[in-house]
Structure formats: structure tokens, C-alpha cells
C-alpha atoms as a PDB file:
ATOM      1  CA  MET A   1      11.910  -4.797  -1.278  1.00  0.00           C
ATOM      2  CA  LYS A   2      12.923  -1.220  -0.439  1.00  0.00           C
ATOM      3  CA  GLY A   3      16.192  -1.124   1.466  1.00  0.00           C
ATOM      4  CA  GLU A   4      17.387  -4.548   0.329  1.00  0.00           C
ATOM      5  CA  VAL A   5      20.933  -4.671  -0.920  1.00  0.00           C
ATOM      6  CA  SER A   6      23.323  -7.395  -1.929  1.00  0.00           C
ATOM      7  CA  VAL A   7      25.946  -8.514   0.552  1.00  0.00           C
ATOM      8  CA  SER A   8      28.687  -6.727  -1.392  1.00  0.00           C
ATOM      9  CA  GLU A   9      26.750  -3.471  -1.759  1.00  0.00           C
ATOM     10  CA  ALA A  10      27.551  -0.723   0.719  1.00  0.00           C
ATOM     11  CA  VAL A  11      24.787   0.642   2.929  1.00  0.00           C
ATOM     12  CA  ILE A  12      25.372   4.107   4.397  1.00  0.00           C
ATOM     13  CA  ILE A  13      23.540   4.924   7.642  1.00  0.00           C
ATOM     14  CA  LEU A  14      23.391   8.223   9.497  1.00  0.00           C
ATOM     15  CA  GLY A  15      22.947   8.035  13.268  1.00  0.00           C
ATOM     16  CA  ILE A  16      21.800  11.028  15.300  1.00  0.00           C
ATOM     17  CA  ASP A  17      21.955  11.916  18.996  1.00  0.00           C
ATOM     18  CA  PRO A  18      19.740  15.020  19.012  1.00  0.00           C
ATOM     19  CA  GLY A  19      20.174  17.990  21.289  1.00  0.00           C
ATOM     20  CA  LEU A  20      19.613  21.708  20.948  1.00  0.00           C
ATOM     21  CA  ALA A  21      23.081  22.599  22.243  1.00  0.00           C
ATOM     22  CA  ASN A  22      24.858  19.574  20.731  1.00  0.00           C
ATOM     23  CA  THR A  23      23.503  17.286  18.032  1.00  0.00           C
ATOM     24  CA  GLY A  24      25.847  14.362  17.557  1.00  0.00           C
ATOM     25  CA  TRP A  25      26.030  12.642  14.191  1.00  0.00           C
ATOM     26  CA  GLY A  26      27.797   9.568  12.917  1.00  0.00           C
ATOM     27  CA  VAL A  27      27.930   8.003   9.475  1.00  0.00           C
ATOM     28  CA  ILE A  28      28.727   4.336   9.057  1.00  0.00           C
ATOM     29  CA  GLU A  29      29.141   2.103   6.050  1.00  0.00           C
ATOM     30  CA  GLN A  30      27.936  -1.473   6.253  1.00  0.00           C
ATOM     31  CA  ARG A  31      29.060  -4.030   3.722  1.00  0.00           C
ATOM     32  CA  GLY A  32      27.653  -7.409   4.712  1.00  0.00           C
ATOM     33  CA  ALA A  33      28.560  -7.933   8.370  1.00  0.00           C
ATOM     34  CA  LYS A  34      31.489  -5.481   8.232  1.00  0.00           C
ATOM     35  CA  LYS A  35      30.905  -1.944   9.483  1.00  0.00           C
ATOM     36  CA  ARG A  36      33.174   1.070   9.460  1.00  0.00           C
ATOM     37  CA  ALA A  37      32.883   4.692  10.496  1.00  0.00           C
ATOM     38  CA  LEU A  38      32.995   7.131   7.605  1.00  0.00           C
ATOM     39  CA  ALA A  39      32.697  10.313   9.664  1.00  0.00           C
ATOM     40  CA  TYR A  40      31.295  11.689  12.881  1.00  0.00           C
ATOM     41  CA  GLY A  41      30.985  14.969  14.674  1.00  0.00           C
ATOM     42  CA  CYS A  42      28.718  17.335  16.475  1.00  0.00           C
ATOM     43  CA  VAL A  43      26.608  20.303  15.432  1.00  0.00           C
ATOM     44  CA  ASN A  44      26.934  22.868  18.209  1.00  0.00           C
ATOM     45  CA  THR A  45      24.708  25.864  18.808  1.00  0.00           C
ATOM     46  CA  MET A  46      25.095  28.754  21.207  1.00  0.00           C
ATOM     47  CA  PRO A  47      22.635  29.179  24.069  1.00  0.00           C
ATOM     48  CA  THR A  48      22.752  32.950  23.490  1.00  0.00           C
ATOM     49  CA  GLU A  49      21.169  32.515  20.038  1.00  0.00           C
ATOM     50  CA  HIS A  50      17.419  32.493  19.470  1.00  0.00           C
ATOM     51  CA  VAL A  51      15.977  28.975  19.404  1.00  0.00           C
ATOM     52  CA  LEU A  52      14.847  29.345  15.782  1.00  0.00           C
ATOM     53  CA  THR A  53      18.374  30.298  14.722  1.00  0.00           C
ATOM     54  CA  ARG A  54      19.720  27.257  16.546  1.00  0.00           C
ATOM     55  CA  LEU A  55      17.206  24.915  14.927  1.00  0.00           C
ATOM     56  CA  GLU A  56      17.910  26.368  11.491  1.00  0.00           C
ATOM     57  CA  HIS A  57      21.631  25.759  12.035  1.00  0.00           C
ATOM     58  CA  ILE A  58      20.990  22.104  12.975  1.00  0.00           C
ATOM     59  CA  TYR A  59      18.744  21.676   9.934  1.00  0.00           C
ATOM     60  CA  ASP A  60      21.271  23.280   7.553  1.00  0.00           C
ATOM     61  CA  GLU A  61      24.168  21.203   8.896  1.00  0.00           C
ATOM     62  CA  MET A  62      22.139  17.991   8.622  1.00  0.00           C
ATOM     63  CA  LEU A  63      21.364  18.766   4.990  1.00  0.00           C
ATOM     64  CA  LYS A  64      25.102  19.246   4.332  1.00  0.00           C
ATOM     65  CA  ILE A  65      25.965  15.938   6.053  1.00  0.00           C
ATOM     66  CA  ILE A  66      23.251  14.105   4.122  1.00  0.00           C
ATOM     67  CA  GLU A  67      24.413  15.633   0.834  1.00  0.00           C
ATOM     68  CA  ARG A  68      28.051  14.779   1.503  1.00  0.00           C
ATOM     69  CA  TYR A  69      27.698  11.179   2.752  1.00  0.00           C
ATOM     70  CA  LYS A  70      24.465  10.173   0.991  1.00  0.00           C
ATOM     71  CA  PRO A  71      23.012   7.840   3.634  1.00  0.00           C
ATOM     72  CA  ILE A  72      20.076   5.659   2.641  1.00  0.00           C
ATOM     73  CA  GLU A  73      18.467   5.757   6.097  1.00  0.00           C
ATOM     74  CA  VAL A  74      18.639   7.650   9.375  1.00  0.00           C
ATOM     75  CA  GLY A  75      18.502   6.303  12.914  1.00  0.00           C
ATOM     76  CA  ILE A  76      17.785   8.766  15.692  1.00  0.00           C
ATOM     77  CA  GLU A  77      17.731   8.445  19.454  1.00  0.00           C
ATOM     78  CA  SER A  78      14.244   9.112  20.724  1.00  0.00           C
ATOM     79  CA  ILE A  79      13.554  11.680  23.400  1.00  0.00           C
ATOM     80  CA  PHE A  80      14.055  10.614  26.994  1.00  0.00           C
ATOM     81  CA  PHE A  81      11.341  12.108  29.155  1.00  0.00           C
ATOM     82  CA  GLY A  82      13.156  12.248  32.462  1.00  0.00           C
ATOM     83  CA  ALA A  83      12.831  14.752  35.257  1.00  0.00           C
ATOM     84  CA  ASN A  84      13.774  17.756  33.094  1.00  0.00           C
ATOM     85  CA  ALA A  85      10.833  18.686  30.851  1.00  0.00           C
ATOM     86  CA  LYS A  86      12.652  21.727  29.429  1.00  0.00           C
ATOM     87  CA  SER A  87      15.532  19.527  28.280  1.00  0.00           C
ATOM     88  CA  ALA A  88      13.100  17.038  26.703  1.00  0.00           C
ATOM     89  CA  LEU A  89      11.369  19.860  24.845  1.00  0.00           C
ATOM     90  CA  SER A  90      14.589  21.284  23.390  1.00  0.00           C
ATOM     91  CA  THR A  91      15.781  17.789  22.457  1.00  0.00           C
ATOM     92  CA  GLY A  92      12.463  17.237  20.684  1.00  0.00           C
ATOM     93  CA  GLN A  93      12.884  20.478  18.767  1.00  0.00           C
ATOM     94  CA  ALA A  94      16.375  19.458  17.625  1.00  0.00           C
ATOM     95  CA  SER A  95      15.050  16.023  16.710  1.00  0.00           C
ATOM     96  CA  GLY A  96      12.354  17.676  14.590  1.00  0.00           C
ATOM     97  CA  ALA A  97      14.937  19.752  12.722  1.00  0.00           C
ATOM     98  CA  VAL A  98      16.869  16.573  11.902  1.00  0.00           C
ATOM     99  CA  MET A  99      13.727  14.730  10.830  1.00  0.00           C
ATOM    100  CA  ILE A 100      12.712  17.546   8.491  1.00  0.00           C
ATOM    101  CA  ALA A 101      16.186  17.513   6.912  1.00  0.00           C
ATOM    102  CA  ALA A 102      15.846  13.739   6.426  1.00  0.00           C
ATOM    103  CA  ALA A 103      12.341  14.121   4.964  1.00  0.00           C
ATOM    104  CA  LYS A 104      13.542  16.885   2.634  1.00  0.00           C
ATOM    105  CA  SER A 105      16.184  14.410   1.433  1.00  0.00           C
ATOM    106  CA  SER A 106      13.604  11.600   1.013  1.00  0.00           C
ATOM    107  CA  LEU A 107      15.183   9.478   3.762  1.00  0.00           C
ATOM    108  CA  SER A 108      13.303   7.267   6.169  1.00  0.00           C
ATOM    109  CA  VAL A 109      13.889   7.830   9.881  1.00  0.00           C
ATOM    110  CA  SER A 110      13.755   5.171  12.590  1.00  0.00           C
ATOM    111  CA  GLU A 111      13.725   6.103  16.273  1.00  0.00           C
ATOM    112  CA  TYR A 112      15.339   4.079  19.040  1.00  0.00           C
ATOM    113  CA  SER A 113      15.071   4.572  22.771  1.00  0.00           C
ATOM    114  CA  PRO A 114      18.233   4.767  24.863  1.00  0.00           C
ATOM    115  CA  THR A 115      17.307   1.357  26.323  1.00  0.00           C
ATOM    116  CA  GLN A 116      16.952  -0.201  22.850  1.00  0.00           C
ATOM    117  CA  ILE A 117      20.316   1.201  21.778  1.00  0.00           C
ATOM    118  CA  LYS A 118      22.037  -0.179  24.875  1.00  0.00           C
ATOM    119  CA  GLN A 119      20.311  -3.540  24.420  1.00  0.00           C
ATOM    120  CA  VAL A 120      21.524  -3.841  20.827  1.00  0.00           C
ATOM    121  CA  MET A 121      25.025  -2.556  21.552  1.00  0.00           C
ATOM    122  CA  VAL A 122      25.790  -4.334  24.820  1.00  0.00           C
ATOM    123  CA  GLY A 123      23.031  -6.898  25.261  1.00  0.00           C
ATOM    124  CA  GLN A 124      21.632  -5.150  28.313  1.00  0.00           C
ATOM    125  CA  GLY A 125      19.298  -2.158  28.361  1.00  0.00           C
ATOM    126  CA  ARG A 126      20.814  -0.718  31.527  1.00  0.00           C
ATOM    127  CA  ALA A 127      24.389  -0.766  30.272  1.00  0.00           C
ATOM    128  CA  GLU A 128      26.746   1.997  31.316  1.00  0.00           C
ATOM    129  CA  LYS A 129      27.816   4.662  28.840  1.00  0.00           C
ATOM    130  CA  GLN A 130      31.424   3.389  28.955  1.00  0.00           C
ATOM    131  CA  GLN A 131      30.280  -0.107  27.906  1.00  0.00           C
ATOM    132  CA  VAL A 132      28.467   1.325  24.883  1.00  0.00           C
ATOM    133  CA  LEU A 133      31.529   3.396  23.981  1.00  0.00           C
ATOM    134  CA  TYR A 134      33.713   0.293  24.190  1.00  0.00           C
ATOM    135  CA  MET A 135      31.375  -1.577  21.825  1.00  0.00           C
ATOM    136  CA  VAL A 136      31.236   1.328  19.348  1.00  0.00           C
ATOM    137  CA  LYS A 137      35.018   1.314  19.201  1.00  0.00           C
ATOM    138  CA  ALA A 138      35.194  -2.487  18.869  1.00  0.00           C
ATOM    139  CA  MET A 139      32.398  -2.861  16.304  1.00  0.00           C
ATOM    140  CA  LEU A 140      33.848  -0.163  14.070  1.00  0.00           C
ATOM    141  CA  GLY A 141      37.455  -1.298  14.501  1.00  0.00           C
ATOM    142  CA  LEU A 142      38.555   2.121  15.744  1.00  0.00           C
ATOM    143  CA  ASP A 143      41.923   2.614  17.427  1.00  0.00           C
ATOM    144  CA  HIS A 144      40.541   5.468  19.534  1.00  0.00           C
ATOM    145  CA  GLU A 145      37.374   6.428  21.335  1.00  0.00           C
ATOM    146  CA  PRO A 146      35.239   8.695  19.172  1.00  0.00           C
ATOM    147  CA  SER A 147      34.595  12.092  20.673  1.00  0.00           C
ATOM    148  CA  PRO A 148      32.783  14.162  21.626  1.00  0.00           C
ATOM    149  CA  ASP A 149      30.355  11.923  23.542  1.00  0.00           C
ATOM    150  CA  HIS A 150      27.445  13.058  21.378  1.00  0.00           C
ATOM    151  CA  ALA A 151      29.224  11.811  18.249  1.00  0.00           C
ATOM    152  CA  SER A 152      30.005   8.483  19.906  1.00  0.00           C
ATOM    153  CA  ASP A 153      26.351   8.172  20.913  1.00  0.00           C
ATOM    154  CA  ALA A 154      25.326   8.908  17.327  1.00  0.00           C
ATOM    155  CA  LEU A 155      27.604   6.135  16.045  1.00  0.00           C
ATOM    156  CA  ALA A 156      25.893   3.796  18.533  1.00  0.00           C
ATOM    157  CA  VAL A 157      22.525   4.819  17.076  1.00  0.00           C
ATOM    158  CA  ALA A 158      23.789   4.118  13.545  1.00  0.00           C
ATOM    159  CA  LEU A 159      25.064   0.693  14.639  1.00  0.00           C
ATOM    160  CA  CYS A 160      21.759  -0.021  16.368  1.00  0.00           C
ATOM    161  CA  HIS A 161      19.895   0.892  13.197  1.00  0.00           C
ATOM    162  CA  ALA A 162      22.190  -1.342  11.108  1.00  0.00           C
ATOM    163  CA  LYS A 163      21.387  -4.275  13.382  1.00  0.00           C
ATOM    164  CA  MET A 164      17.655  -3.568  13.435  1.00  0.00           C
ATOM    165  CA  ARG A 165      17.410  -3.177   9.653  1.00  0.00           C
ATOM    166  CA  ALA A 166      19.306  -6.470   9.235  1.00  0.00           C
ATOM    167  CA  VAL A 167      16.647  -8.172  11.360  1.00  0.00           C
ATOM    168  CA  LEU A 168      13.835  -6.438   9.468  1.00  0.00           C
ATOM    169  CA  TYR A 169      15.148  -7.271   5.989  1.00  0.00           C
ATOM    170  CA  SER A 170      16.106 -10.860   6.848  1.00  0.00           C
ATOM    171  CA  ARG A 171      12.415 -11.801   7.179  1.00  0.00           C
END
């Protein structure tokens, strides 16, 4: 079955917290039940740049990250349609740039809502951001809190995807 690996084989997952101004990314390695952070960061764009230039920058940086870390799958936080429609639109555009980079690299993409991510990470869909951060640090065995926040959120997405794929492939 596609995606199945032996317990000793490493699985590399890229997690994404999309945003036009700041797209967080986190790469984890899973080997059996053990997970570790390989790298994380944030792709930043300038609000003074044209939106197409910003999206191209996100796309280009995602291709570089994918080429460097060679993930087998991508997890991405889905768009939250709150009170700010303009913010949702720009987040959707950034998400699209990431998805095209993943598609160009022949990677599958799974989307997770903020509630799903919190549920998987903390066991409660209304968990506070600090609780999720604590769990990211604990699950990855980090001696520090990953920053910026967007990168930490992306690591949470990667961990969520690791858990969800484990459930999917255990059937």
C-alpha cells in the first residue's frame, strides 16, 4: 500500500501553517513511534510587494524545502473562515502556492482544521495555543520552544499528520 513503511524506516513529513505574510513550515522524521524535528522556519513576504511576487516567493521556498528534506507527504492547516474574509483569502492564496509546490514534487497533501490539530495534539479541539506548543516541544523532545509561532504551528500540523497517517495505514 502506498505510504506503508517498516517500523525501522524513516518517514519524513512536512507540516505547513500557510499565510501570505508568514508561511510556517516544519519537517519531522518519524521512525516507528519516535518523532524528531529535522528543521523548521518561516517564509516571510513583504506587504509592500505585489501579491503575485509574494506567492511566487512562497512557492519557490517550498520547492527548496521539499528538495532539501525530501518529505513523502505534506500536512497543511486548512483555512479558517473567521470574521476577516480578506485574511482568509490571502491565507488561501498562500495555501495554493504550497499545494502547487507539493503537486510539482509529486507529494500528496492532507488538510487539517485548527480544531482537528488541537484535538490530535492536546486531546481537546478548543485547546489554547500554549498547550499545543507545550505538546509540540514534548512530542519532539525539544529543549526549547520552537519559534516563530508559525513554525511551531507547522510542526503541530506535521505531528497531526503523522498521527492521522498512522491511523489510516493501521487499517
